[in-house]
Amino acid sequence: MHLKVISAGQKLPDWLNAGFEEYRRRFPREMRLELTEVPLGGRGRQADTARAVRDEGDRMLKALRGPEWVIALEIDGRQWSTEKLAERLEHWRMEGQDVAFLIGGPEGLSDACRERANQTWSLSPLTLPHPLVRVMLAEQLYRAWSINCNHPYHRAG
């Protein structure tokens, strides 16, 4: 099973890359977590922000392999508890379903990404910095995996 994070933004601070890598390396070989970064669209005073978001979305959609179950991370998406995420992760694993998570840039995801998504998910009703979302997502996916495997990482409950 592959879990693929497709995120707008490159050349992030080392601490963000290290955070994602810390959780990525903890996954077993049979459930790989990978990150694909796509460049942000041009921004500045005279930039066409709508076009930048569309361009980011086009690059994100091109990074899909095709048959993945696609989840758009959106502030107004459905919220899941960690335990619910663990249930979903186990369901995807049992179905042999690869999953792709789309994380937009500062202005969010393009309409095309939202339309391609099979569902939307909100990590929080808070507005989170988009680069930090990838680390939080990796941690929650690892925590969900640990629940399913009775690994001691998740001690709540």
N, C-alpha and C. Protein backbone atom coordinates (compact mmCIF):
# COMPACT_ATOMS: atom_id res chain seq x y z
N MET A 1 0.85 -1.18 0.00
CA MET A 1 0.00 0.00 0.00
C MET A 1 0.89 1.23 0.00
N HIS A 2 0.51 2.19 -0.83
CA HIS A 2 1.22 3.47 -0.87
C HIS A 2 0.31 4.57 -0.33
N LEU A 3 0.88 5.39 0.51
CA LEU A 3 0.24 6.62 0.95
C LEU A 3 1.07 7.74 0.34
N LYS A 4 0.44 8.53 -0.50
CA LYS A 4 1.17 9.57 -1.23
C LYS A 4 0.64 10.94 -0.80
N VAL A 5 1.54 11.78 -0.34
CA VAL A 5 1.21 13.16 -0.01
C VAL A 5 1.69 14.01 -1.18
N ILE A 6 0.76 14.72 -1.79
CA ILE A 6 1.10 15.63 -2.89
C ILE A 6 0.83 17.04 -2.37
N SER A 7 1.89 17.80 -2.25
CA SER A 7 1.79 19.08 -1.57
C SER A 7 2.39 20.21 -2.40
N ALA A 8 1.70 21.33 -2.42
CA ALA A 8 2.21 22.53 -3.09
C ALA A 8 3.28 23.15 -2.20
N GLY A 9 4.40 23.45 -2.79
CA GLY A 9 5.49 24.10 -2.06
C GLY A 9 6.75 23.27 -2.06
N GLN A 10 7.86 23.94 -2.31
CA GLN A 10 9.17 23.31 -2.33
C GLN A 10 10.13 24.18 -1.55
N LYS A 11 11.32 23.65 -1.33
CA LYS A 11 12.38 24.40 -0.66
C LYS A 11 11.91 24.93 0.69
N LEU A 12 11.39 24.02 1.48
CA LEU A 12 10.90 24.38 2.81
C LEU A 12 12.02 24.33 3.82
N PRO A 13 11.81 24.92 5.00
CA PRO A 13 12.85 24.87 6.03
C PRO A 13 13.21 23.42 6.39
N ASP A 14 14.46 23.23 6.76
CA ASP A 14 14.95 21.89 7.07
C ASP A 14 14.13 21.21 8.16
N TRP A 15 13.66 21.97 9.15
CA TRP A 15 12.93 21.35 10.26
C TRP A 15 11.61 20.75 9.79
N LEU A 16 10.98 21.34 8.77
CA LEU A 16 9.76 20.75 8.23
C LEU A 16 10.07 19.46 7.46
N ASN A 17 11.11 19.50 6.67
CA ASN A 17 11.51 18.30 5.94
C ASN A 17 11.90 17.19 6.91
N ALA A 18 12.62 17.54 7.97
CA ALA A 18 13.04 16.54 8.96
C ALA A 18 11.82 15.96 9.68
N GLY A 19 10.83 16.79 9.96
CA GLY A 19 9.61 16.30 10.62
C GLY A 19 8.89 15.28 9.77
N PHE A 20 8.70 15.58 8.49
CA PHE A 20 8.03 14.64 7.61
C PHE A 20 8.86 13.36 7.49
N GLU A 21 10.15 13.52 7.29
CA GLU A 21 11.03 12.36 7.11
C GLU A 21 11.03 11.47 8.35
N GLU A 22 10.95 12.05 9.53
CA GLU A 22 10.92 11.26 10.76
C GLU A 22 9.76 10.27 10.75
N TYR A 23 8.59 10.73 10.36
CA TYR A 23 7.44 9.82 10.32
C TYR A 23 7.48 8.91 9.09
N ARG A 24 7.94 9.41 7.97
CA ARG A 24 8.01 8.59 6.77
C ARG A 24 8.85 7.35 6.99
N ARG A 25 9.99 7.51 7.64
CA ARG A 25 10.91 6.39 7.82
C ARG A 25 10.38 5.35 8.82
N ARG A 26 9.42 5.71 9.64
CA ARG A 26 8.89 4.77 10.63
C ARG A 26 7.91 3.76 10.03
N PHE A 27 7.37 4.07 8.87
CA PHE A 27 6.40 3.16 8.26
C PHE A 27 7.08 1.87 7.81
N PRO A 28 6.37 0.76 7.88
CA PRO A 28 6.93 -0.50 7.38
C PRO A 28 6.96 -0.50 5.85
N ARG A 29 7.74 -1.39 5.28
CA ARG A 29 7.87 -1.47 3.83
C ARG A 29 6.53 -1.73 3.13
N GLU A 30 5.66 -2.47 3.79
CA GLU A 30 4.39 -2.80 3.15
C GLU A 30 3.39 -1.64 3.15
N MET A 31 3.71 -0.55 3.83
CA MET A 31 2.86 0.64 3.81
C MET A 31 3.78 1.86 3.69
N ARG A 32 4.10 2.18 2.47
CA ARG A 32 5.05 3.27 2.24
C ARG A 32 4.36 4.63 2.22
N LEU A 33 5.01 5.59 2.82
CA LEU A 33 4.57 6.98 2.79
C LEU A 33 5.56 7.75 1.94
N GLU A 34 5.05 8.45 0.94
CA GLU A 34 5.94 9.23 0.08
C GLU A 34 5.39 10.63 -0.09
N LEU A 35 6.29 11.53 -0.43
CA LEU A 35 5.95 12.94 -0.61
C LEU A 35 6.33 13.37 -2.01
N THR A 36 5.38 14.02 -2.67
CA THR A 36 5.65 14.66 -3.96
C THR A 36 5.36 16.15 -3.77
N GLU A 37 6.36 16.95 -4.02
CA GLU A 37 6.19 18.40 -3.92
C GLU A 37 6.01 18.98 -5.31
N VAL A 38 5.07 19.88 -5.44
CA VAL A 38 4.90 20.59 -6.71
C VAL A 38 5.19 22.07 -6.46
N PRO A 39 5.77 22.75 -7.42
CA PRO A 39 6.10 24.16 -7.23
C PRO A 39 4.84 25.01 -7.03
N LEU A 40 4.97 26.00 -6.18
CA LEU A 40 3.90 26.98 -6.03
C LEU A 40 3.81 27.79 -7.32
N GLY A 41 2.62 28.23 -7.64
CA GLY A 41 2.45 29.13 -8.77
C GLY A 41 3.03 30.49 -8.42
N GLY A 42 3.28 31.30 -9.44
CA GLY A 42 3.86 32.62 -9.23
C GLY A 42 3.00 33.52 -8.35
N ARG A 43 3.64 34.18 -7.41
CA ARG A 43 2.93 35.09 -6.53
C ARG A 43 3.72 36.39 -6.43
N GLY A 44 3.04 37.43 -6.16
CA GLY A 44 3.66 38.75 -6.04
C GLY A 44 2.57 39.79 -6.18
N ARG A 45 2.96 41.04 -6.25
CA ARG A 45 1.98 42.14 -6.31
C ARG A 45 1.07 42.05 -7.53
N GLN A 46 1.64 41.78 -8.67
CA GLN A 46 0.87 41.77 -9.91
C GLN A 46 0.46 40.36 -10.35
N ALA A 47 0.71 39.38 -9.51
CA ALA A 47 0.45 37.99 -9.90
C ALA A 47 -1.04 37.70 -9.98
N ASP A 48 -1.39 36.80 -10.86
CA ASP A 48 -2.76 36.31 -11.00
C ASP A 48 -2.87 35.09 -10.07
N THR A 49 -3.36 35.32 -8.86
CA THR A 49 -3.43 34.27 -7.85
C THR A 49 -4.31 33.11 -8.30
N ALA A 50 -5.42 33.40 -8.95
CA ALA A 50 -6.32 32.33 -9.42
C ALA A 50 -5.57 31.43 -10.40
N ARG A 51 -4.79 32.04 -11.26
CA ARG A 51 -4.02 31.23 -12.23
C ARG A 51 -2.96 30.41 -11.51
N ALA A 52 -2.31 30.99 -10.50
CA ALA A 52 -1.29 30.27 -9.73
C ALA A 52 -1.90 29.03 -9.08
N VAL A 53 -3.08 29.16 -8.50
CA VAL A 53 -3.76 28.03 -7.85
C VAL A 53 -4.13 26.97 -8.90
N ARG A 54 -4.63 27.40 -10.06
CA ARG A 54 -4.95 26.45 -11.14
C ARG A 54 -3.71 25.69 -11.59
N ASP A 55 -2.59 26.43 -11.74
CA ASP A 55 -1.34 25.79 -12.18
C ASP A 55 -0.86 24.77 -11.14
N GLU A 56 -0.93 25.14 -9.86
CA GLU A 56 -0.56 24.20 -8.80
C GLU A 56 -1.43 22.95 -8.88
N GLY A 57 -2.72 23.16 -9.05
CA GLY A 57 -3.65 22.04 -9.13
C GLY A 57 -3.36 21.14 -10.31
N ASP A 58 -3.05 21.72 -11.44
CA ASP A 58 -2.70 20.91 -12.62
C ASP A 58 -1.48 20.05 -12.34
N ARG A 59 -0.48 20.62 -11.69
CA ARG A 59 0.73 19.85 -11.36
C ARG A 59 0.43 18.75 -10.35
N MET A 60 -0.46 19.03 -9.41
CA MET A 60 -0.83 18.02 -8.41
C MET A 60 -1.55 16.85 -9.08
N LEU A 61 -2.47 17.15 -9.97
CA LEU A 61 -3.23 16.10 -10.63
C LEU A 61 -2.33 15.25 -11.54
N LYS A 62 -1.33 15.87 -12.15
CA LYS A 62 -0.39 15.11 -12.98
C LYS A 62 0.47 14.17 -12.14
N ALA A 63 0.62 14.45 -10.86
CA ALA A 63 1.42 13.60 -9.96
C ALA A 63 0.66 12.35 -9.52
N LEU A 64 -0.63 12.31 -9.79
CA LEU A 64 -1.41 11.12 -9.45
C LEU A 64 -1.07 9.98 -10.39
N ARG A 65 -1.10 8.77 -9.88
CA ARG A 65 -0.83 7.59 -10.71
C ARG A 65 -2.08 7.17 -11.46
N GLY A 66 -3.23 7.52 -10.98
CA GLY A 66 -4.48 7.17 -11.65
C GLY A 66 -5.50 6.52 -10.74
N PRO A 67 -5.22 5.31 -10.22
CA PRO A 67 -6.27 4.61 -9.47
C PRO A 67 -6.33 4.95 -7.98
N GLU A 68 -5.54 5.89 -7.50
CA GLU A 68 -5.55 6.18 -6.07
C GLU A 68 -6.91 6.70 -5.60
N TRP A 69 -7.18 6.46 -4.34
CA TRP A 69 -8.29 7.11 -3.64
C TRP A 69 -7.74 8.47 -3.26
N VAL A 70 -8.38 9.54 -3.70
CA VAL A 70 -7.83 10.89 -3.52
C VAL A 70 -8.60 11.62 -2.43
N ILE A 71 -7.83 12.17 -1.48
CA ILE A 71 -8.41 12.93 -0.38
C ILE A 71 -7.84 14.34 -0.43
N ALA A 72 -8.72 15.31 -0.54
CA ALA A 72 -8.33 16.72 -0.53
C ALA A 72 -8.37 17.22 0.91
N LEU A 73 -7.27 17.77 1.37
CA LEU A 73 -7.26 18.35 2.71
C LEU A 73 -7.79 19.77 2.60
N GLU A 74 -8.94 19.97 3.23
CA GLU A 74 -9.65 21.24 3.14
C GLU A 74 -10.15 21.63 4.52
N ILE A 75 -10.11 22.89 4.83
CA ILE A 75 -10.54 23.35 6.14
C ILE A 75 -12.01 23.01 6.40
N ASP A 76 -12.83 22.98 5.34
CA ASP A 76 -14.25 22.68 5.52
C ASP A 76 -14.58 21.21 5.23
N GLY A 77 -13.56 20.37 5.14
CA GLY A 77 -13.79 18.94 4.94
C GLY A 77 -14.31 18.28 6.20
N ARG A 78 -14.62 17.02 6.08
CA ARG A 78 -15.10 16.24 7.23
C ARG A 78 -13.96 16.03 8.21
N GLN A 79 -14.26 16.15 9.48
CA GLN A 79 -13.25 15.90 10.50
C GLN A 79 -13.36 14.47 11.00
N TRP A 80 -12.19 13.83 11.19
CA TRP A 80 -12.15 12.47 11.70
C TRP A 80 -11.33 12.45 12.98
N SER A 81 -11.71 11.61 13.89
CA SER A 81 -10.87 11.36 15.04
C SER A 81 -9.69 10.50 14.58
N THR A 82 -8.69 10.39 15.40
CA THR A 82 -7.55 9.53 15.07
C THR A 82 -8.01 8.08 14.93
N GLU A 83 -8.92 7.67 15.78
CA GLU A 83 -9.44 6.30 15.71
C GLU A 83 -10.21 6.07 14.41
N LYS A 84 -10.96 7.07 13.96
CA LYS A 84 -11.68 6.94 12.69
C LYS A 84 -10.69 6.86 11.53
N LEU A 85 -9.62 7.65 11.60
CA LEU A 85 -8.58 7.57 10.58
C LEU A 85 -7.97 6.17 10.56
N ALA A 86 -7.74 5.60 11.73
CA ALA A 86 -7.18 4.25 11.81
C ALA A 86 -8.13 3.25 11.13
N GLU A 87 -9.43 3.40 11.35
CA GLU A 87 -10.41 2.52 10.69
C GLU A 87 -10.34 2.67 9.18
N ARG A 88 -10.26 3.90 8.71
CA ARG A 88 -10.19 4.14 7.27
C ARG A 88 -8.89 3.60 6.68
N LEU A 89 -7.79 3.80 7.39
CA LEU A 89 -6.51 3.29 6.92
C LEU A 89 -6.56 1.76 6.78
N GLU A 90 -7.14 1.10 7.75
CA GLU A 90 -7.27 -0.36 7.68
C GLU A 90 -8.17 -0.77 6.53
N HIS A 91 -9.24 -0.03 6.32
CA HIS A 91 -10.15 -0.32 5.19
C HIS A 91 -9.40 -0.20 3.87
N TRP A 92 -8.65 0.89 3.68
CA TRP A 92 -7.89 1.08 2.44
C TRP A 92 -6.87 -0.05 2.27
N ARG A 93 -6.23 -0.43 3.37
CA ARG A 93 -5.23 -1.50 3.30
C ARG A 93 -5.88 -2.82 2.89
N MET A 94 -7.00 -3.15 3.49
CA MET A 94 -7.68 -4.39 3.17
C MET A 94 -8.19 -4.41 1.73
N GLU A 95 -8.55 -3.25 1.21
CA GLU A 95 -9.01 -3.14 -0.17
C GLU A 95 -7.85 -3.08 -1.16
N GLY A 96 -6.62 -2.97 -0.65
CA GLY A 96 -5.46 -2.84 -1.53
C GLY A 96 -5.43 -1.50 -2.24
N GLN A 97 -6.01 -0.51 -1.59
CA GLN A 97 -6.19 0.81 -2.19
C GLN A 97 -5.04 1.75 -1.84
N ASP A 98 -4.35 2.27 -2.84
CA ASP A 98 -3.39 3.34 -2.60
C ASP A 98 -4.17 4.63 -2.39
N VAL A 99 -3.62 5.52 -1.57
CA VAL A 99 -4.31 6.75 -1.21
C VAL A 99 -3.39 7.93 -1.46
N ALA A 100 -3.94 8.98 -2.05
CA ALA A 100 -3.20 10.22 -2.28
C ALA A 100 -3.89 11.35 -1.53
N PHE A 101 -3.11 12.12 -0.80
CA PHE A 101 -3.60 13.26 -0.03
C PHE A 101 -3.11 14.54 -0.70
N LEU A 102 -4.02 15.44 -1.03
CA LEU A 102 -3.66 16.68 -1.71
C LEU A 102 -3.65 17.83 -0.71
N ILE A 103 -2.53 18.55 -0.64
CA ILE A 103 -2.38 19.71 0.24
C ILE A 103 -2.09 20.91 -0.65
N GLY A 104 -2.99 21.86 -0.65
CA GLY A 104 -2.83 23.05 -1.47
C GLY A 104 -1.83 24.04 -0.91
N GLY A 105 -1.62 25.09 -1.66
CA GLY A 105 -0.73 26.16 -1.25
C GLY A 105 -1.45 27.16 -0.35
N PRO A 106 -0.92 28.37 -0.22
CA PRO A 106 -1.49 29.36 0.69
C PRO A 106 -2.96 29.70 0.41
N GLU A 107 -3.39 29.60 -0.84
CA GLU A 107 -4.78 29.92 -1.19
C GLU A 107 -5.65 28.66 -1.28
N GLY A 108 -5.10 27.51 -0.95
CA GLY A 108 -5.86 26.28 -0.97
C GLY A 108 -5.73 25.52 -2.28
N LEU A 109 -6.64 24.58 -2.47
CA LEU A 109 -6.63 23.71 -3.65
C LEU A 109 -7.43 24.30 -4.79
N SER A 110 -7.08 23.90 -5.99
CA SER A 110 -7.83 24.32 -7.17
C SER A 110 -9.17 23.60 -7.23
N ASP A 111 -10.08 24.16 -7.99
CA ASP A 111 -11.38 23.51 -8.20
C ASP A 111 -11.19 22.13 -8.83
N ALA A 112 -10.23 21.99 -9.73
CA ALA A 112 -9.99 20.70 -10.40
C ALA A 112 -9.56 19.64 -9.38
N CYS A 113 -8.76 20.03 -8.40
CA CYS A 113 -8.35 19.08 -7.35
C CYS A 113 -9.55 18.67 -6.50
N ARG A 114 -10.37 19.64 -6.15
CA ARG A 114 -11.57 19.32 -5.35
C ARG A 114 -12.50 18.38 -6.12
N GLU A 115 -12.64 18.62 -7.41
CA GLU A 115 -13.51 17.77 -8.23
C GLU A 115 -12.95 16.36 -8.37
N ARG A 116 -11.64 16.21 -8.46
CA ARG A 116 -11.02 14.89 -8.59
C ARG A 116 -11.07 14.09 -7.29
N ALA A 117 -11.10 14.80 -6.17
CA ALA A 117 -11.05 14.13 -4.86
C ALA A 117 -12.28 13.25 -4.64
N ASN A 118 -12.02 12.09 -4.05
CA ASN A 118 -13.10 11.20 -3.66
C ASN A 118 -13.76 11.67 -2.37
N GLN A 119 -13.00 12.40 -1.57
CA GLN A 119 -13.54 12.97 -0.34
C GLN A 119 -12.63 14.09 0.14
N THR A 120 -13.16 14.88 1.07
CA THR A 120 -12.37 15.94 1.68
C THR A 120 -12.23 15.65 3.17
N TRP A 121 -11.12 16.10 3.72
CA TRP A 121 -10.81 15.86 5.12
C TRP A 121 -10.22 17.14 5.69
N SER A 122 -10.64 17.47 6.89
CA SER A 122 -10.09 18.62 7.60
C SER A 122 -9.32 18.12 8.81
N LEU A 123 -8.06 18.48 8.89
CA LEU A 123 -7.29 18.14 10.08
C LEU A 123 -7.73 18.96 11.29
N SER A 124 -8.26 20.15 11.01
CA SER A 124 -8.64 21.06 12.09
C SER A 124 -9.45 22.21 11.51
N PRO A 125 -10.33 22.80 12.32
CA PRO A 125 -11.00 24.00 11.84
C PRO A 125 -10.08 25.23 11.87
N LEU A 126 -8.90 25.07 12.45
CA LEU A 126 -7.93 26.16 12.46
C LEU A 126 -7.33 26.32 11.07
N THR A 127 -6.91 27.51 10.73
CA THR A 127 -6.15 27.73 9.51
C THR A 127 -4.70 27.39 9.84
N LEU A 128 -4.17 26.38 9.17
CA LEU A 128 -2.82 25.91 9.45
C LEU A 128 -1.89 26.31 8.30
N PRO A 129 -0.62 26.57 8.60
CA PRO A 129 0.32 26.86 7.53
C PRO A 129 0.46 25.62 6.63
N HIS A 130 0.28 25.79 5.33
CA HIS A 130 0.26 24.62 4.45
C HIS A 130 1.51 23.76 4.55
N PRO A 131 2.73 24.30 4.76
CA PRO A 131 3.87 23.40 4.88
C PRO A 131 3.80 22.53 6.14
N LEU A 132 3.22 23.05 7.21
CA LEU A 132 3.13 22.29 8.45
C LEU A 132 2.12 21.15 8.34
N VAL A 133 1.15 21.29 7.47
CA VAL A 133 0.11 20.28 7.32
C VAL A 133 0.72 18.93 6.93
N ARG A 134 1.74 18.94 6.08
CA ARG A 134 2.33 17.67 5.65
C ARG A 134 2.93 16.91 6.82
N VAL A 135 3.53 17.64 7.78
CA VAL A 135 4.10 16.98 8.96
C VAL A 135 2.99 16.45 9.85
N MET A 136 1.96 17.25 10.07
CA MET A 136 0.84 16.81 10.89
C MET A 136 0.14 15.60 10.26
N LEU A 137 -0.01 15.62 8.95
CA LEU A 137 -0.63 14.50 8.25
C LEU A 137 0.21 13.23 8.42
N ALA A 138 1.52 13.35 8.22
CA ALA A 138 2.40 12.18 8.35
C ALA A 138 2.31 11.61 9.76
N GLU A 139 2.29 12.48 10.76
CA GLU A 139 2.20 12.00 12.15
C GLU A 139 0.88 11.28 12.39
N GLN A 140 -0.21 11.84 11.92
CA GLN A 140 -1.52 11.21 12.14
C GLN A 140 -1.65 9.88 11.40
N LEU A 141 -1.10 9.80 10.21
CA LEU A 141 -1.10 8.53 9.48
C LEU A 141 -0.27 7.49 10.22
N TYR A 142 0.87 7.90 10.75
CA TYR A 142 1.69 6.97 11.52
C TYR A 142 0.96 6.55 12.79
N ARG A 143 0.32 7.48 13.46
CA ARG A 143 -0.44 7.16 14.67
C ARG A 143 -1.57 6.18 14.34
N ALA A 144 -2.26 6.40 13.23
CA ALA A 144 -3.34 5.49 12.82
C ALA A 144 -2.77 4.10 12.56
N TRP A 145 -1.64 4.03 11.88
CA TRP A 145 -0.99 2.74 11.65
C TRP A 145 -0.66 2.08 12.98
N SER A 146 -0.13 2.86 13.94
CA SER A 146 0.26 2.29 15.23
C SER A 146 -0.94 1.75 16.00
N ILE A 147 -2.09 2.39 15.88
CA ILE A 147 -3.31 1.88 16.51
C ILE A 147 -3.67 0.53 15.90
N ASN A 148 -3.64 0.45 14.59
CA ASN A 148 -4.02 -0.79 13.90
C ASN A 148 -3.08 -1.95 14.21
N CYS A 149 -1.83 -1.63 14.55
CA CYS A 149 -0.83 -2.68 14.82
C CYS A 149 -0.60 -2.89 16.32
N ASN A 150 -1.40 -2.22 17.14
CA ASN A 150 -1.20 -2.28 18.60
C ASN A 150 0.22 -1.89 19.00
N HIS A 151 0.76 -0.96 18.27
CA HIS A 151 2.09 -0.44 18.56
C HIS A 151 1.96 0.55 19.72
N PRO A 152 2.93 0.62 20.60
CA PRO A 152 2.80 1.49 21.78
C PRO A 152 2.86 3.00 21.51
N TYR A 153 3.12 3.42 20.27
CA TYR A 153 3.19 4.86 19.97
C TYR A 153 1.92 5.58 20.41
N HIS A 154 0.78 4.99 20.10
CA HIS A 154 -0.51 5.61 20.48
C HIS A 154 -0.95 5.04 21.82
N ARG A 155 -0.94 5.88 22.82
CA ARG A 155 -1.27 5.41 24.16
C ARG A 155 -2.57 5.96 24.70
N ALA A 156 -3.29 6.72 23.89
CA ALA A 156 -4.54 7.33 24.36
C ALA A 156 -5.61 6.26 24.53
N GLY A 157 -6.60 6.61 25.30
CA GLY A 157 -7.78 5.80 25.31
C GLY A 157 -7.98 4.91 26.44
